[in-house]
């Protein structure tokens, strides 16, 4: 008789995990939502490479978490605003790990400002990281990805709902991702590669604190009455990475507690 035993992470030994044997790359995976995605994909069995922009010590945190889960990860320093650097990072990850099945475009920035005050330099940075990096990363991943792969972008509910002044430029960049995903879903359908966009609302991270006047205002706009957690975004990304999601493509799926309804 086979015996099922729970390991330290709460998983049941002897039961296949949904992403066993899969190789994933996550951009911007050292903190916040990105780190949550790295941890969840690893917990579900994937070998995960992720990029980080500056802090090597910060990148060690999700690596240690993955190690505690009994998984494997690879941290790659890469500035996603540099097309050549990002392309090289994706190629190196696929070469080192032996292929690519899942690509998550998560790296991005948030800048706020009214239109008549918004600096063009800030606009260029938003476009470089929130739009161009998504396109370049996916373009590079597709060249390495096996048929039947999964591409997931991390957008924002701000593409659909504007809660306060000053986020028009940011919203524009996230709305662009919606169109990109719909187009890529058609481009890649013949290879069985699905492309979907996960749109978080207010999520508790180090750059989005749950306390303070702005946080209180936002929470009043969320019917569930609280900020989301990175693992709640990661759970949807994980599902979209599995075989069970194979008939979902070109979708923009919001994780926001009903924000702005």
C-alpha atoms as a PDB file:
ATOM      1  CA  UNK A   1       0.000   0.000   0.000  1.00  0.00           C
ATOM      2  CA  UNK A   2       1.326   3.462  -0.929  1.00  0.00           C
ATOM      3  CA  UNK A   3       1.579   5.923   1.926  1.00  0.00           C
ATOM      4  CA  UNK A   4       0.962   9.633   1.441  1.00  0.00           C
ATOM      5  CA  UNK A   5       3.043  11.859   3.694  1.00  0.00           C
ATOM      6  CA  UNK A   6       2.826  15.630   4.091  1.00  0.00           C
ATOM      7  CA  UNK A   7       6.153  17.425   3.784  1.00  0.00           C
ATOM      8  CA  UNK A   8       7.148  20.630   5.563  1.00  0.00           C
ATOM      9  CA  UNK A   9       5.375  22.844   3.047  1.00  0.00           C
ATOM     10  CA  UNK A  10       2.060  21.071   3.535  1.00  0.00           C
ATOM     11  CA  UNK A  11       2.238  19.255   0.191  1.00  0.00           C
ATOM     12  CA  UNK A  12       1.408  15.560  -0.004  1.00  0.00           C
ATOM     13  CA  UNK A  13       4.368  13.447  -1.038  1.00  0.00           C
ATOM     14  CA  UNK A  14       3.527  10.933  -3.726  1.00  0.00           C
ATOM     15  CA  UNK A  15       0.904  13.185  -5.364  1.00  0.00           C
ATOM     16  CA  UNK A  16       2.045  14.883  -8.603  1.00  0.00           C
ATOM     17  CA  UNK A  17       2.011  18.656  -8.417  1.00  0.00           C
ATOM     18  CA  UNK A  18       0.354  20.606 -11.255  1.00  0.00           C
ATOM     19  CA  UNK A  19       3.613  22.125 -12.540  1.00  0.00           C
ATOM     20  CA  UNK A  20       6.026  19.234 -12.014  1.00  0.00           C
ATOM     21  CA  UNK A  21       8.601  19.204 -14.821  1.00  0.00           C
ATOM     22  CA  UNK A  22       7.808  22.757 -15.967  1.00  0.00           C
ATOM     23  CA  UNK A  23      10.333  25.583 -16.307  1.00  0.00           C
ATOM     24  CA  UNK A  24       9.229  29.150 -15.593  1.00  0.00           C
ATOM     25  CA  UNK A  25      10.743  32.610 -15.925  1.00  0.00           C
ATOM     26  CA  UNK A  26       9.349  35.533 -13.920  1.00  0.00           C
ATOM     27  CA  UNK A  27      10.561  39.086 -14.488  1.00  0.00           C
ATOM     28  CA  UNK A  28      10.798  41.294 -11.412  1.00  0.00           C
ATOM     29  CA  UNK A  29      10.563  38.337  -9.059  1.00  0.00           C
ATOM     30  CA  UNK A  30      12.549  39.499  -6.048  1.00  0.00           C
ATOM     31  CA  UNK A  31       9.780  41.252  -4.104  1.00  0.00           C
ATOM     32  CA  UNK A  32       6.075  41.947  -3.843  1.00  0.00           C
ATOM     33  CA  UNK A  33       3.742  40.244  -6.286  1.00  0.00           C
ATOM     34  CA  UNK A  34       6.664  38.882  -8.308  1.00  0.00           C
ATOM     35  CA  UNK A  35       8.175  37.097  -5.307  1.00  0.00           C
ATOM     36  CA  UNK A  36       4.749  35.680  -4.450  1.00  0.00           C
ATOM     37  CA  UNK A  37       4.505  34.265  -7.967  1.00  0.00           C
ATOM     38  CA  UNK A  38       7.994  32.734  -7.736  1.00  0.00           C
ATOM     39  CA  UNK A  39       7.094  31.012  -4.465  1.00  0.00           C
ATOM     40  CA  UNK A  40       3.757  29.692  -5.743  1.00  0.00           C
ATOM     41  CA  UNK A  41       5.089  28.327  -9.037  1.00  0.00           C
ATOM     42  CA  UNK A  42       7.894  26.588  -7.156  1.00  0.00           C
ATOM     43  CA  UNK A  43       5.436  25.174  -4.612  1.00  0.00           C
ATOM     44  CA  UNK A  44       3.440  23.752  -7.503  1.00  0.00           C
ATOM     45  CA  UNK A  45       6.519  21.994  -8.871  1.00  0.00           C
ATOM     46  CA  UNK A  46       8.069  24.350 -11.427  1.00  0.00           C
ATOM     47  CA  UNK A  47      11.750  25.209 -11.598  1.00  0.00           C
ATOM     48  CA  UNK A  48      11.725  29.013 -11.545  1.00  0.00           C
ATOM     49  CA  UNK A  49      14.173  31.584 -12.848  1.00  0.00           C
ATOM     50  CA  UNK A  50      13.490  35.198 -11.995  1.00  0.00           C
ATOM     51  CA  UNK A  51      15.053  38.546 -12.718  1.00  0.00           C
ATOM     52  CA  UNK A  52      15.847  41.344 -10.302  1.00  0.00           C
ATOM     53  CA  UNK A  53      17.032  44.860 -11.054  1.00  0.00           C
ATOM     54  CA  UNK A  54      19.378  45.887  -8.234  1.00  0.00           C
ATOM     55  CA  UNK A  55      19.395  44.175  -4.836  1.00  0.00           C
ATOM     56  CA  UNK A  56      21.088  40.766  -4.737  1.00  0.00           C
ATOM     57  CA  UNK A  57      20.304  40.398  -1.022  1.00  0.00           C
ATOM     58  CA  UNK A  58      16.620  41.013  -1.703  1.00  0.00           C
ATOM     59  CA  UNK A  59      16.696  38.393  -4.461  1.00  0.00           C
ATOM     60  CA  UNK A  60      17.993  35.830  -1.974  1.00  0.00           C
ATOM     61  CA  UNK A  61      14.746  35.941   0.005  1.00  0.00           C
ATOM     62  CA  UNK A  62      12.507  34.189  -2.573  1.00  0.00           C
ATOM     63  CA  UNK A  63      15.376  31.820  -3.345  1.00  0.00           C
ATOM     64  CA  UNK A  64      15.512  30.763   0.302  1.00  0.00           C
ATOM     65  CA  UNK A  65      11.745  30.337   0.326  1.00  0.00           C
ATOM     66  CA  UNK A  66      11.930  28.108  -2.750  1.00  0.00           C
ATOM     67  CA  UNK A  67      14.729  26.092  -1.154  1.00  0.00           C
ATOM     68  CA  UNK A  68      12.606  25.550   1.956  1.00  0.00           C
ATOM     69  CA  UNK A  69       9.854  24.251  -0.322  1.00  0.00           C
ATOM     70  CA  UNK A  70      12.314  21.743  -1.758  1.00  0.00           C
ATOM     71  CA  UNK A  71      12.371  23.499  -5.133  1.00  0.00           C
ATOM     72  CA  UNK A  72      14.947  25.019  -7.469  1.00  0.00           C
ATOM     73  CA  UNK A  73      15.324  28.629  -8.521  1.00  0.00           C
ATOM     74  CA  UNK A  74      17.722  30.832 -10.448  1.00  0.00           C
ATOM     75  CA  UNK A  75      18.109  34.572  -9.810  1.00  0.00           C
ATOM     76  CA  UNK A  76      19.368  36.696 -12.721  1.00  0.00           C
ATOM     77  CA  UNK A  77      20.278  40.360 -12.402  1.00  0.00           C
ATOM     78  CA  UNK A  78      18.679  42.125 -15.348  1.00  0.00           C
ATOM     79  CA  UNK A  79      17.237  45.583 -15.928  1.00  0.00           C
ATOM     80  CA  UNK A  80      13.975  44.996 -17.792  1.00  0.00           C
ATOM     81  CA  UNK A  81      14.118  48.498 -19.281  1.00  0.00           C
ATOM     82  CA  UNK A  82      17.119  47.362 -21.364  1.00  0.00           C
ATOM     83  CA  UNK A  83      15.898  45.221 -24.292  1.00  0.00           C
ATOM     84  CA  UNK A  84      19.263  43.551 -24.851  1.00  0.00           C
ATOM     85  CA  UNK A  85      19.719  42.749 -21.157  1.00  0.00           C
ATOM     86  CA  UNK A  86      16.202  41.321 -20.842  1.00  0.00           C
ATOM     87  CA  UNK A  87      16.564  39.244 -24.009  1.00  0.00           C
ATOM     88  CA  UNK A  88      19.864  37.827 -22.771  1.00  0.00           C
ATOM     89  CA  UNK A  89      18.375  37.003 -19.356  1.00  0.00           C
ATOM     90  CA  UNK A  90      15.482  35.032 -20.840  1.00  0.00           C
ATOM     91  CA  UNK A  91      17.820  33.154 -23.180  1.00  0.00           C
ATOM     92  CA  UNK A  92      20.298  32.380 -20.399  1.00  0.00           C
ATOM     93  CA  UNK A  93      17.512  31.074 -18.143  1.00  0.00           C
ATOM     94  CA  UNK A  94      16.193  28.749 -20.843  1.00  0.00           C
ATOM     95  CA  UNK A  95      19.697  27.511 -21.679  1.00  0.00           C
ATOM     96  CA  UNK A  96      20.662  26.921 -18.041  1.00  0.00           C
ATOM     97  CA  UNK A  97      17.416  25.222 -17.028  1.00  0.00           C
ATOM     98  CA  UNK A  98      16.825  23.254 -20.222  1.00  0.00           C
ATOM     99  CA  UNK A  99      13.886  24.978 -21.868  1.00  0.00           C
ATOM    100  CA  UNK A 100      10.915  27.196 -21.096  1.00  0.00           C
ATOM    101  CA  UNK A 101       7.241  26.444 -20.469  1.00  0.00           C
ATOM    102  CA  UNK A 102       5.927  29.461 -18.525  1.00  0.00           C
ATOM    103  CA  UNK A 103       6.793  33.137 -18.861  1.00  0.00           C
ATOM    104  CA  UNK A 104       5.415  35.724 -16.444  1.00  0.00           C
ATOM    105  CA  UNK A 105       5.992  39.375 -17.347  1.00  0.00           C
ATOM    106  CA  UNK A 106       5.736  41.073 -13.967  1.00  0.00           C
ATOM    107  CA  UNK A 107       8.402  43.806 -13.896  1.00  0.00           C
ATOM    108  CA  UNK A 108       6.946  47.301 -13.941  1.00  0.00           C
ATOM    109  CA  UNK A 109       6.822  50.690 -12.242  1.00  0.00           C
ATOM    110  CA  UNK A 110       4.182  53.078 -10.942  1.00  0.00           C
ATOM    111  CA  UNK A 111       4.417  56.831 -11.392  1.00  0.00           C
ATOM    112  CA  UNK A 112       1.736  59.369 -10.562  1.00  0.00           C
ATOM    113  CA  UNK A 113       1.118  62.915 -11.753  1.00  0.00           C
ATOM    114  CA  UNK A 114      -1.498  65.136 -13.355  1.00  0.00           C
ATOM    115  CA  UNK A 115      -1.171  65.403 -17.119  1.00  0.00           C
ATOM    116  CA  UNK A 116      -0.049  69.049 -17.161  1.00  0.00           C
ATOM    117  CA  UNK A 117       2.677  68.258 -14.612  1.00  0.00           C
ATOM    118  CA  UNK A 118       3.832  64.855 -15.846  1.00  0.00           C
ATOM    119  CA  UNK A 119       7.456  64.807 -16.989  1.00  0.00           C
ATOM    120  CA  UNK A 120       8.215  63.189 -20.339  1.00  0.00           C
ATOM    121  CA  UNK A 121      11.137  61.403 -18.696  1.00  0.00           C
ATOM    122  CA  UNK A 122       8.674  59.711 -16.327  1.00  0.00           C
ATOM    123  CA  UNK A 123       6.420  58.836 -19.256  1.00  0.00           C
ATOM    124  CA  UNK A 124       9.349  57.266 -21.104  1.00  0.00           C
ATOM    125  CA  UNK A 125      10.199  55.156 -18.037  1.00  0.00           C
ATOM    126  CA  UNK A 126       6.609  53.956 -17.744  1.00  0.00           C
ATOM    127  CA  UNK A 127       6.507  52.974 -21.397  1.00  0.00           C
ATOM    128  CA  UNK A 128       9.925  51.291 -21.259  1.00  0.00           C
ATOM    129  CA  UNK A 129       9.101  49.103 -18.257  1.00  0.00           C
ATOM    130  CA  UNK A 130       5.353  48.604 -18.445  1.00  0.00           C
ATOM    131  CA  UNK A 131       4.930  48.159 -22.211  1.00  0.00           C
ATOM    132  CA  UNK A 132       8.208  47.637 -24.059  1.00  0.00           C
ATOM    133  CA  UNK A 133       9.653  45.240 -21.467  1.00  0.00           C
ATOM    134  CA  UNK A 134       6.501  43.110 -21.638  1.00  0.00           C
ATOM    135  CA  UNK A 135       6.734  42.927 -25.437  1.00  0.00           C
ATOM    136  CA  UNK A 136      10.487  42.253 -25.499  1.00  0.00           C
ATOM    137  CA  UNK A 137      10.274  39.671 -22.726  1.00  0.00           C
ATOM    138  CA  UNK A 138       7.478  37.797 -24.465  1.00  0.00           C
ATOM    139  CA  UNK A 139       9.223  38.066 -27.824  1.00  0.00           C
ATOM    140  CA  UNK A 140      12.329  36.493 -26.294  1.00  0.00           C
ATOM    141  CA  UNK A 141      10.365  33.848 -24.397  1.00  0.00           C
ATOM    142  CA  UNK A 142       8.434  32.698 -27.456  1.00  0.00           C
ATOM    143  CA  UNK A 143      11.690  31.839 -29.207  1.00  0.00           C
ATOM    144  CA  UNK A 144      12.626  29.508 -26.330  1.00  0.00           C
ATOM    145  CA  UNK A 145       9.190  28.217 -25.344  1.00  0.00           C
ATOM    146  CA  UNK A 146       7.917  24.738 -26.064  1.00  0.00           C
ATOM    147  CA  UNK A 147       4.562  24.369 -27.777  1.00  0.00           C
ATOM    148  CA  UNK A 148       1.693  24.381 -25.301  1.00  0.00           C
ATOM    149  CA  UNK A 149       3.426  26.971 -23.124  1.00  0.00           C
ATOM    150  CA  UNK A 150       1.893  29.668 -20.973  1.00  0.00           C
ATOM    151  CA  UNK A 151       2.445  33.436 -21.063  1.00  0.00           C
ATOM    152  CA  UNK A 152       1.003  35.608 -18.293  1.00  0.00           C
ATOM    153  CA  UNK A 153       1.353  39.355 -17.956  1.00  0.00           C
ATOM    154  CA  UNK A 154       0.761  41.282 -14.742  1.00  0.00           C
ATOM    155  CA  UNK A 155      -1.334  44.308 -15.590  1.00  0.00           C
ATOM    156  CA  UNK A 156      -3.480  46.421 -13.284  1.00  0.00           C
ATOM    157  CA  UNK A 157      -7.128  47.046 -12.529  1.00  0.00           C
ATOM    158  CA  UNK A 158      -6.236  50.677 -13.263  1.00  0.00           C
ATOM    159  CA  UNK A 159      -6.581  49.750 -16.932  1.00  0.00           C
ATOM    160  CA  UNK A 160     -10.331  49.527 -16.291  1.00  0.00           C
ATOM    161  CA  UNK A 161     -11.028  51.738 -13.270  1.00  0.00           C
ATOM    162  CA  UNK A 162      -9.613  55.135 -12.331  1.00  0.00           C
ATOM    163  CA  UNK A 163     -10.088  55.793  -8.617  1.00  0.00           C
ATOM    164  CA  UNK A 164      -8.243  59.087  -8.166  1.00  0.00           C
ATOM    165  CA  UNK A 165      -6.463  61.793 -10.202  1.00  0.00           C
ATOM    166  CA  UNK A 166      -2.935  61.428 -11.470  1.00  0.00           C
ATOM    167  CA  UNK A 167      -2.747  57.884 -12.816  1.00  0.00           C
ATOM    168  CA  UNK A 168      -3.703  58.511 -16.444  1.00  0.00           C
ATOM    169  CA  UNK A 169      -0.220  57.715 -17.810  1.00  0.00           C
ATOM    170  CA  UNK A 170       0.114  54.562 -15.704  1.00  0.00           C
ATOM    171  CA  UNK A 171      -3.398  53.480 -16.681  1.00  0.00           C
ATOM    172  CA  UNK A 172      -2.541  53.993 -20.350  1.00  0.00           C
ATOM    173  CA  UNK A 173       0.431  51.631 -20.118  1.00  0.00           C
ATOM    174  CA  UNK A 174      -1.639  48.924 -18.436  1.00  0.00           C
ATOM    175  CA  UNK A 175      -4.451  49.311 -20.968  1.00  0.00           C
ATOM    176  CA  UNK A 176      -1.859  48.723 -23.696  1.00  0.00           C
ATOM    177  CA  UNK A 177      -1.112  45.327 -22.153  1.00  0.00           C
ATOM    178  CA  UNK A 178      -4.756  44.342 -22.592  1.00  0.00           C
ATOM    179  CA  UNK A 179      -4.503  44.878 -26.336  1.00  0.00           C
ATOM    180  CA  UNK A 180      -1.127  43.147 -26.541  1.00  0.00           C
ATOM    181  CA  UNK A 181      -2.468  40.044 -24.817  1.00  0.00           C
ATOM    182  CA  UNK A 182      -5.504  39.789 -27.088  1.00  0.00           C
ATOM    183  CA  UNK A 183      -3.307  40.057 -30.178  1.00  0.00           C
ATOM    184  CA  UNK A 184      -0.675  37.608 -28.961  1.00  0.00           C
ATOM    185  CA  UNK A 185      -3.345  35.065 -28.078  1.00  0.00           C
ATOM    186  CA  UNK A 186      -4.224  34.952 -31.778  1.00  0.00           C
ATOM    187  CA  UNK A 187      -0.593  35.007 -32.947  1.00  0.00           C
ATOM    188  CA  UNK A 188       0.401  32.042 -30.772  1.00  0.00           C
ATOM    189  CA  UNK A 189      -2.754  29.931 -30.854  1.00  0.00           C
ATOM    190  CA  UNK A 190      -1.383  27.632 -33.558  1.00  0.00           C
ATOM    191  CA  UNK A 191       1.361  26.543 -31.147  1.00  0.00           C
ATOM    192  CA  UNK A 192      -1.058  25.919 -28.303  1.00  0.00           C
ATOM    193  CA  UNK A 193       0.509  28.752 -26.293  1.00  0.00           C
ATOM    194  CA  UNK A 194      -2.015  30.671 -24.214  1.00  0.00           C
ATOM    195  CA  UNK A 195      -1.583  34.343 -23.325  1.00  0.00           C
ATOM    196  CA  UNK A 196      -3.474  35.957 -20.450  1.00  0.00           C
ATOM    197  CA  UNK A 197      -3.326  39.120 -18.366  1.00  0.00           C
ATOM    198  CA  UNK A 198      -3.799  39.163 -14.581  1.00  0.00           C
ATOM    199  CA  UNK A 199      -4.881  42.566 -13.280  1.00  0.00           C
ATOM    200  CA  UNK A 200      -4.339  43.123  -9.553  1.00  0.00           C
ATOM    201  CA  UNK A 201      -6.164  45.807  -7.646  1.00  0.00           C
ATOM    202  CA  UNK A 202      -4.761  47.184  -4.363  1.00  0.00           C
ATOM    203  CA  UNK A 203      -2.352  44.521  -3.087  1.00  0.00           C
ATOM    204  CA  UNK A 204      -0.418  44.780   0.180  1.00  0.00           C
ATOM    205  CA  UNK A 205       3.281  45.113  -0.716  1.00  0.00           C
ATOM    206  CA  UNK A 206       6.213  47.154   0.540  1.00  0.00           C
ATOM    207  CA  UNK A 207       5.444  49.871  -2.023  1.00  0.00           C
ATOM    208  CA  UNK A 208       1.695  49.762  -1.357  1.00  0.00           C
ATOM    209  CA  UNK A 209       1.245  49.906   2.449  1.00  0.00           C
ATOM    210  CA  UNK A 210      -2.055  49.022   4.068  1.00  0.00           C
ATOM    211  CA  UNK A 211      -1.961  51.962   6.481  1.00  0.00           C
ATOM    212  CA  UNK A 212      -2.264  55.711   5.949  1.00  0.00           C
ATOM    213  CA  UNK A 213      -4.889  58.064   4.475  1.00  0.00           C
ATOM    214  CA  UNK A 214      -4.537  56.777   0.891  1.00  0.00           C
ATOM    215  CA  UNK A 215      -4.857  53.179   2.049  1.00  0.00           C
ATOM    216  CA  UNK A 216      -7.974  53.987   4.038  1.00  0.00           C
ATOM    217  CA  UNK A 217      -9.514  55.681   1.009  1.00  0.00           C
ATOM    218  CA  UNK A 218      -8.770  52.713  -1.231  1.00  0.00           C
ATOM    219  CA  UNK A 219     -10.070  50.160   1.244  1.00  0.00           C
ATOM    220  CA  UNK A 220     -13.395  51.999   1.383  1.00  0.00           C
ATOM    221  CA  UNK A 221     -13.672  51.342  -2.360  1.00  0.00           C
ATOM    222  CA  UNK A 222     -13.112  47.589  -1.999  1.00  0.00           C
ATOM    223  CA  UNK A 223     -16.325  45.675  -1.205  1.00  0.00           C
ATOM    224  CA  UNK A 224     -14.319  42.956   0.573  1.00  0.00           C
ATOM    225  CA  UNK A 225     -12.940  45.664   2.836  1.00  0.00           C
ATOM    226  CA  UNK A 226      -9.230  44.853   2.670  1.00  0.00           C
ATOM    227  CA  UNK A 227      -6.152  44.873   0.484  1.00  0.00           C
ATOM    228  CA  UNK A 228      -5.307  41.718  -1.423  1.00  0.00           C
ATOM    229  CA  UNK A 229      -2.254  39.562  -0.739  1.00  0.00           C
ATOM    230  CA  UNK A 230       0.475  38.646  -3.191  1.00  0.00           C
ATOM    231  CA  UNK A 231      -0.373  34.958  -2.852  1.00  0.00           C
ATOM    232  CA  UNK A 232      -3.923  35.673  -4.031  1.00  0.00           C
ATOM    233  CA  UNK A 233      -2.563  37.089  -7.284  1.00  0.00           C
ATOM    234  CA  UNK A 234      -0.046  34.246  -7.512  1.00  0.00           C
ATOM    235  CA  UNK A 235      -2.769  31.619  -7.195  1.00  0.00           C
ATOM    236  CA  UNK A 236      -4.436  32.845 -10.397  1.00  0.00           C
ATOM    237  CA  UNK A 237      -1.090  32.983 -12.200  1.00  0.00           C
ATOM    238  CA  UNK A 238      -0.427  29.416 -11.087  1.00  0.00           C
ATOM    239  CA  UNK A 239      -3.791  28.215 -12.388  1.00  0.00           C
ATOM    240  CA  UNK A 240      -3.236  29.922 -15.746  1.00  0.00           C
ATOM    241  CA  UNK A 241       0.094  28.049 -15.924  1.00  0.00           C
ATOM    242  CA  UNK A 242      -1.533  24.604 -15.737  1.00  0.00           C
ATOM    243  CA  UNK A 243      -3.024  22.275 -18.326  1.00  0.00           C
ATOM    244  CA  UNK A 244      -6.447  22.850 -16.756  1.00  0.00           C
ATOM    245  CA  UNK A 245      -6.428  26.419 -18.095  1.00  0.00           C
ATOM    246  CA  UNK A 246      -5.761  25.359 -21.693  1.00  0.00           C
ATOM    247  CA  UNK A 247      -8.997  26.882 -23.084  1.00  0.00           C
ATOM    248  CA  UNK A 248      -8.406  30.312 -21.511  1.00  0.00           C
ATOM    249  CA  UNK A 249      -6.494  32.732 -23.716  1.00  0.00           C
ATOM    250  CA  UNK A 250      -6.623  36.421 -24.563  1.00  0.00           C
ATOM    251  CA  UNK A 251      -8.324  37.076 -21.217  1.00  0.00           C
ATOM    252  CA  UNK A 252      -7.915  40.048 -18.878  1.00  0.00           C
ATOM    253  CA  UNK A 253      -8.686  38.707 -15.410  1.00  0.00           C
ATOM    254  CA  UNK A 254      -9.002  41.019 -12.416  1.00  0.00           C
ATOM    255  CA  UNK A 255      -7.988  40.201  -8.837  1.00  0.00           C
ATOM    256  CA  UNK A 256      -9.193  43.192  -6.839  1.00  0.00           C
ATOM    257  CA  UNK A 257     -11.806  42.318  -4.213  1.00  0.00           C
ATOM    258  CA  UNK A 258     -14.461  44.108  -6.276  1.00  0.00           C
ATOM    259  CA  UNK A 259     -12.477  47.379  -6.311  1.00  0.00           C
ATOM    260  CA  UNK A 260     -14.418  50.261  -7.855  1.00  0.00           C
ATOM    261  CA  UNK A 261     -17.582  48.301  -8.655  1.00  0.00           C
END
